[in-house]
Amino acid sequence: MNKAELVDIVAKEAGTTKKDAEQVINAMMDTIIKHVARGERVTLVGFGAFETRQRKARTGRNPKTNEPLNIPAKKVVGFSSGKEFKARL
């Protein structure tokens, strides 16, 4: 499913226009991104939680030459699914 398909489904389920559904989805995504980027945890009960995780620096290998590479530490987004989400899988 892509964003356009999600907008169509949300508009139909909520009984609203596609334009309104897209505005709500965009606002939700922007809010989640903004708060996770600040290092905050965003929890949607039943769905899951988004958070920033720190990945340590490590040594990798170039698959062509098999030479070691230094992979720097960085921040990544983590998602943990909620209880209801897991139950439906």
N, C-alpha and C. Protein backbone atom coordinates (compact mmCIF):
# COMPACT_ATOMS: atom_id res chain seq x y z
N MET A 1 0.84 -1.17 0.00
CA MET A 1 0.00 0.00 0.00
C MET A 1 0.89 1.23 0.00
N ASN A 2 0.56 2.19 -0.83
CA ASN A 2 1.30 3.45 -0.83
C ASN A 2 0.45 4.54 -0.18
N LYS A 3 0.99 5.75 -0.12
CA LYS A 3 0.30 6.84 0.57
C LYS A 3 -1.04 7.19 -0.08
N ALA A 4 -1.09 7.20 -1.41
CA ALA A 4 -2.34 7.53 -2.10
C ALA A 4 -3.43 6.52 -1.78
N GLU A 5 -3.06 5.25 -1.73
CA GLU A 5 -4.03 4.21 -1.38
C GLU A 5 -4.49 4.36 0.07
N LEU A 6 -3.56 4.70 0.96
CA LEU A 6 -3.91 4.92 2.35
C LEU A 6 -4.89 6.09 2.48
N VAL A 7 -4.63 7.17 1.75
CA VAL A 7 -5.52 8.33 1.78
C VAL A 7 -6.92 7.93 1.32
N ASP A 8 -7.01 7.16 0.24
CA ASP A 8 -8.31 6.70 -0.26
C ASP A 8 -9.07 5.90 0.79
N ILE A 9 -8.39 4.97 1.43
CA ILE A 9 -9.03 4.11 2.43
C ILE A 9 -9.46 4.91 3.65
N VAL A 10 -8.59 5.79 4.14
CA VAL A 10 -8.92 6.60 5.31
C VAL A 10 -10.10 7.52 5.01
N ALA A 11 -10.12 8.12 3.82
CA ALA A 11 -11.23 9.00 3.44
C ALA A 11 -12.54 8.22 3.43
N LYS A 12 -12.50 7.02 2.88
CA LYS A 12 -13.71 6.19 2.79
C LYS A 12 -14.17 5.76 4.18
N GLU A 13 -13.22 5.27 5.01
CA GLU A 13 -13.56 4.79 6.35
C GLU A 13 -14.07 5.92 7.26
N ALA A 14 -13.50 7.12 7.11
CA ALA A 14 -13.88 8.24 7.96
C ALA A 14 -15.05 9.04 7.40
N GLY A 15 -15.43 8.74 6.16
CA GLY A 15 -16.54 9.46 5.54
C GLY A 15 -16.20 10.91 5.28
N THR A 16 -14.99 11.15 4.84
CA THR A 16 -14.51 12.50 4.57
C THR A 16 -13.91 12.58 3.17
N THR A 17 -13.48 13.76 2.78
CA THR A 17 -12.89 13.92 1.46
C THR A 17 -11.45 13.42 1.46
N LYS A 18 -10.94 13.11 0.29
CA LYS A 18 -9.55 12.68 0.17
C LYS A 18 -8.61 13.80 0.59
N LYS A 19 -8.97 15.03 0.26
CA LYS A 19 -8.14 16.18 0.62
C LYS A 19 -8.00 16.30 2.13
N ASP A 20 -9.12 16.18 2.85
CA ASP A 20 -9.09 16.26 4.31
C ASP A 20 -8.31 15.09 4.91
N ALA A 21 -8.51 13.90 4.38
CA ALA A 21 -7.79 12.73 4.88
C ALA A 21 -6.29 12.89 4.66
N GLU A 22 -5.91 13.41 3.51
CA GLU A 22 -4.48 13.60 3.22
C GLU A 22 -3.88 14.64 4.17
N GLN A 23 -4.61 15.70 4.48
CA GLN A 23 -4.11 16.72 5.41
C GLN A 23 -3.88 16.12 6.80
N VAL A 24 -4.80 15.29 7.24
CA VAL A 24 -4.66 14.66 8.56
C VAL A 24 -3.47 13.70 8.57
N ILE A 25 -3.33 12.89 7.53
CA ILE A 25 -2.22 11.94 7.45
C ILE A 25 -0.89 12.69 7.41
N ASN A 26 -0.81 13.75 6.61
CA ASN A 26 0.42 14.55 6.52
C ASN A 26 0.76 15.19 7.86
N ALA A 27 -0.24 15.73 8.54
CA ALA A 27 -0.01 16.35 9.85
C ALA A 27 0.48 15.32 10.86
N MET A 28 -0.10 14.13 10.82
CA MET A 28 0.31 13.06 11.74
C MET A 28 1.76 12.65 11.47
N MET A 29 2.09 12.43 10.21
CA MET A 29 3.45 12.03 9.86
C MET A 29 4.45 13.12 10.23
N ASP A 30 4.14 14.38 9.92
CA ASP A 30 5.05 15.48 10.25
C ASP A 30 5.28 15.59 11.75
N THR A 31 4.22 15.41 12.53
CA THR A 31 4.32 15.50 13.98
C THR A 31 5.18 14.37 14.53
N ILE A 32 4.96 13.16 14.05
CA ILE A 32 5.77 12.02 14.50
C ILE A 32 7.24 12.24 14.15
N ILE A 33 7.51 12.65 12.92
CA ILE A 33 8.89 12.88 12.48
C ILE A 33 9.56 13.96 13.33
N LYS A 34 8.86 15.07 13.57
CA LYS A 34 9.42 16.18 14.33
C LYS A 34 9.79 15.75 15.74
N HIS A 35 8.91 15.02 16.41
CA HIS A 35 9.17 14.64 17.80
C HIS A 35 10.22 13.53 17.91
N VAL A 36 10.22 12.59 16.99
CA VAL A 36 11.25 11.53 17.03
C VAL A 36 12.61 12.14 16.72
N ALA A 37 12.67 13.12 15.81
CA ALA A 37 13.93 13.78 15.48
C ALA A 37 14.50 14.52 16.69
N ARG A 38 13.64 14.99 17.60
CA ARG A 38 14.07 15.65 18.83
C ARG A 38 14.53 14.66 19.88
N GLY A 39 14.39 13.37 19.61
CA GLY A 39 14.79 12.35 20.57
C GLY A 39 13.66 11.87 21.46
N GLU A 40 12.44 12.31 21.18
CA GLU A 40 11.29 11.90 21.98
C GLU A 40 10.73 10.58 21.46
N ARG A 41 10.07 9.87 22.33
CA ARG A 41 9.40 8.62 21.96
C ARG A 41 7.93 8.95 21.67
N VAL A 42 7.42 8.46 20.55
CA VAL A 42 6.02 8.67 20.19
C VAL A 42 5.33 7.33 20.25
N THR A 43 4.35 7.20 21.17
CA THR A 43 3.65 5.94 21.38
C THR A 43 2.20 6.08 20.96
N LEU A 44 1.75 5.20 20.10
CA LEU A 44 0.36 5.11 19.68
C LEU A 44 -0.15 3.78 20.24
N VAL A 45 -0.88 3.85 21.35
CA VAL A 45 -1.29 2.65 22.07
C VAL A 45 -2.02 1.69 21.13
N GLY A 46 -1.60 0.44 21.15
CA GLY A 46 -2.18 -0.59 20.30
C GLY A 46 -1.49 -0.71 18.96
N PHE A 47 -0.91 0.39 18.46
CA PHE A 47 -0.22 0.36 17.17
C PHE A 47 1.27 0.13 17.36
N GLY A 48 1.91 1.01 18.13
CA GLY A 48 3.34 0.86 18.35
C GLY A 48 3.99 2.14 18.79
N ALA A 49 5.32 2.11 18.86
CA ALA A 49 6.09 3.25 19.32
C ALA A 49 7.27 3.51 18.39
N PHE A 50 7.49 4.79 18.11
CA PHE A 50 8.62 5.23 17.31
C PHE A 50 9.61 5.89 18.26
N GLU A 51 10.90 5.63 18.05
CA GLU A 51 11.92 6.25 18.88
C GLU A 51 13.23 6.34 18.13
N THR A 52 14.11 7.21 18.62
CA THR A 52 15.44 7.34 18.05
C THR A 52 16.36 6.37 18.77
N ARG A 53 17.12 5.65 17.99
CA ARG A 53 18.10 4.71 18.57
C ARG A 53 19.48 5.08 18.07
N GLN A 54 20.48 4.87 18.90
CA GLN A 54 21.86 5.16 18.54
C GLN A 54 22.51 3.86 18.07
N ARG A 55 23.00 3.86 16.85
CA ARG A 55 23.72 2.70 16.34
C ARG A 55 25.21 2.95 16.54
N LYS A 56 25.92 2.01 17.13
CA LYS A 56 27.34 2.16 17.41
C LYS A 56 28.17 2.09 16.14
N ALA A 57 29.35 2.68 16.19
CA ALA A 57 30.31 2.57 15.09
C ALA A 57 30.76 1.11 15.02
N ARG A 58 31.03 0.66 13.83
CA ARG A 58 31.45 -0.74 13.68
C ARG A 58 32.31 -0.90 12.43
N THR A 59 32.92 -2.04 12.31
CA THR A 59 33.74 -2.35 11.15
C THR A 59 32.95 -3.26 10.23
N GLY A 60 32.88 -2.87 8.96
CA GLY A 60 32.20 -3.68 7.96
C GLY A 60 33.20 -4.13 6.91
N ARG A 61 32.70 -4.75 5.86
CA ARG A 61 33.58 -5.20 4.78
C ARG A 61 33.00 -4.80 3.44
N ASN A 62 33.87 -4.35 2.54
CA ASN A 62 33.47 -4.06 1.18
C ASN A 62 33.24 -5.40 0.49
N PRO A 63 32.03 -5.67 -0.02
CA PRO A 63 31.75 -6.98 -0.59
C PRO A 63 32.56 -7.29 -1.86
N LYS A 64 32.99 -6.26 -2.59
CA LYS A 64 33.78 -6.51 -3.81
C LYS A 64 35.23 -6.85 -3.49
N THR A 65 35.85 -6.05 -2.61
CA THR A 65 37.28 -6.21 -2.33
C THR A 65 37.56 -6.93 -1.02
N ASN A 66 36.55 -7.11 -0.20
CA ASN A 66 36.67 -7.74 1.11
C ASN A 66 37.55 -6.93 2.07
N GLU A 67 37.77 -5.65 1.74
CA GLU A 67 38.56 -4.79 2.61
C GLU A 67 37.69 -4.27 3.76
N PRO A 68 38.28 -4.12 4.94
CA PRO A 68 37.50 -3.59 6.07
C PRO A 68 37.17 -2.11 5.87
N LEU A 69 35.99 -1.71 6.35
CA LEU A 69 35.53 -0.32 6.29
C LEU A 69 35.13 0.10 7.69
N ASN A 70 35.31 1.36 8.00
CA ASN A 70 34.80 1.90 9.26
C ASN A 70 33.43 2.48 8.98
N ILE A 71 32.42 1.97 9.66
CA ILE A 71 31.05 2.48 9.53
C ILE A 71 30.80 3.35 10.77
N PRO A 72 30.56 4.65 10.57
CA PRO A 72 30.43 5.55 11.72
C PRO A 72 29.13 5.32 12.51
N ALA A 73 29.14 5.78 13.75
CA ALA A 73 27.94 5.73 14.59
C ALA A 73 26.90 6.68 13.99
N LYS A 74 25.63 6.35 14.17
CA LYS A 74 24.58 7.24 13.68
C LYS A 74 23.28 6.96 14.41
N LYS A 75 22.36 7.91 14.27
CA LYS A 75 21.03 7.75 14.84
C LYS A 75 20.13 7.12 13.80
N VAL A 76 19.26 6.22 14.24
CA VAL A 76 18.30 5.58 13.35
C VAL A 76 16.93 5.58 14.03
N VAL A 77 15.89 5.41 13.24
CA VAL A 77 14.54 5.34 13.78
C VAL A 77 14.21 3.89 14.09
N GLY A 78 13.67 3.69 15.28
CA GLY A 78 13.24 2.36 15.68
C GLY A 78 11.73 2.33 15.83
N PHE A 79 11.14 1.20 15.52
CA PHE A 79 9.69 1.02 15.70
C PHE A 79 9.46 -0.29 16.43
N SER A 80 8.67 -0.22 17.49
CA SER A 80 8.26 -1.41 18.22
C SER A 80 6.76 -1.53 18.07
N SER A 81 6.29 -2.64 17.55
CA SER A 81 4.85 -2.79 17.36
C SER A 81 4.16 -3.00 18.70
N GLY A 82 2.92 -2.52 18.75
CA GLY A 82 2.11 -2.63 19.96
C GLY A 82 1.47 -3.98 20.10
N LYS A 83 0.87 -4.22 21.24
CA LYS A 83 0.27 -5.50 21.56
C LYS A 83 -0.84 -5.88 20.57
N GLU A 84 -1.74 -4.93 20.27
CA GLU A 84 -2.83 -5.21 19.35
C GLU A 84 -2.32 -5.47 17.93
N PHE A 85 -1.31 -4.72 17.52
CA PHE A 85 -0.70 -4.91 16.19
C PHE A 85 -0.14 -6.33 16.09
N LYS A 86 0.62 -6.73 17.10
CA LYS A 86 1.23 -8.08 17.11
C LYS A 86 0.17 -9.16 17.09
N ALA A 87 -0.92 -8.93 17.82
CA ALA A 87 -1.98 -9.94 17.91
C ALA A 87 -2.66 -10.17 16.57
N ARG A 88 -2.72 -9.16 15.73
CA ARG A 88 -3.39 -9.29 14.43
C ARG A 88 -2.53 -9.92 13.34
N LEU A 89 -1.23 -10.07 13.61
CA LEU A 89 -0.34 -10.64 12.60
C LEU A 89 -0.48 -12.12 12.50
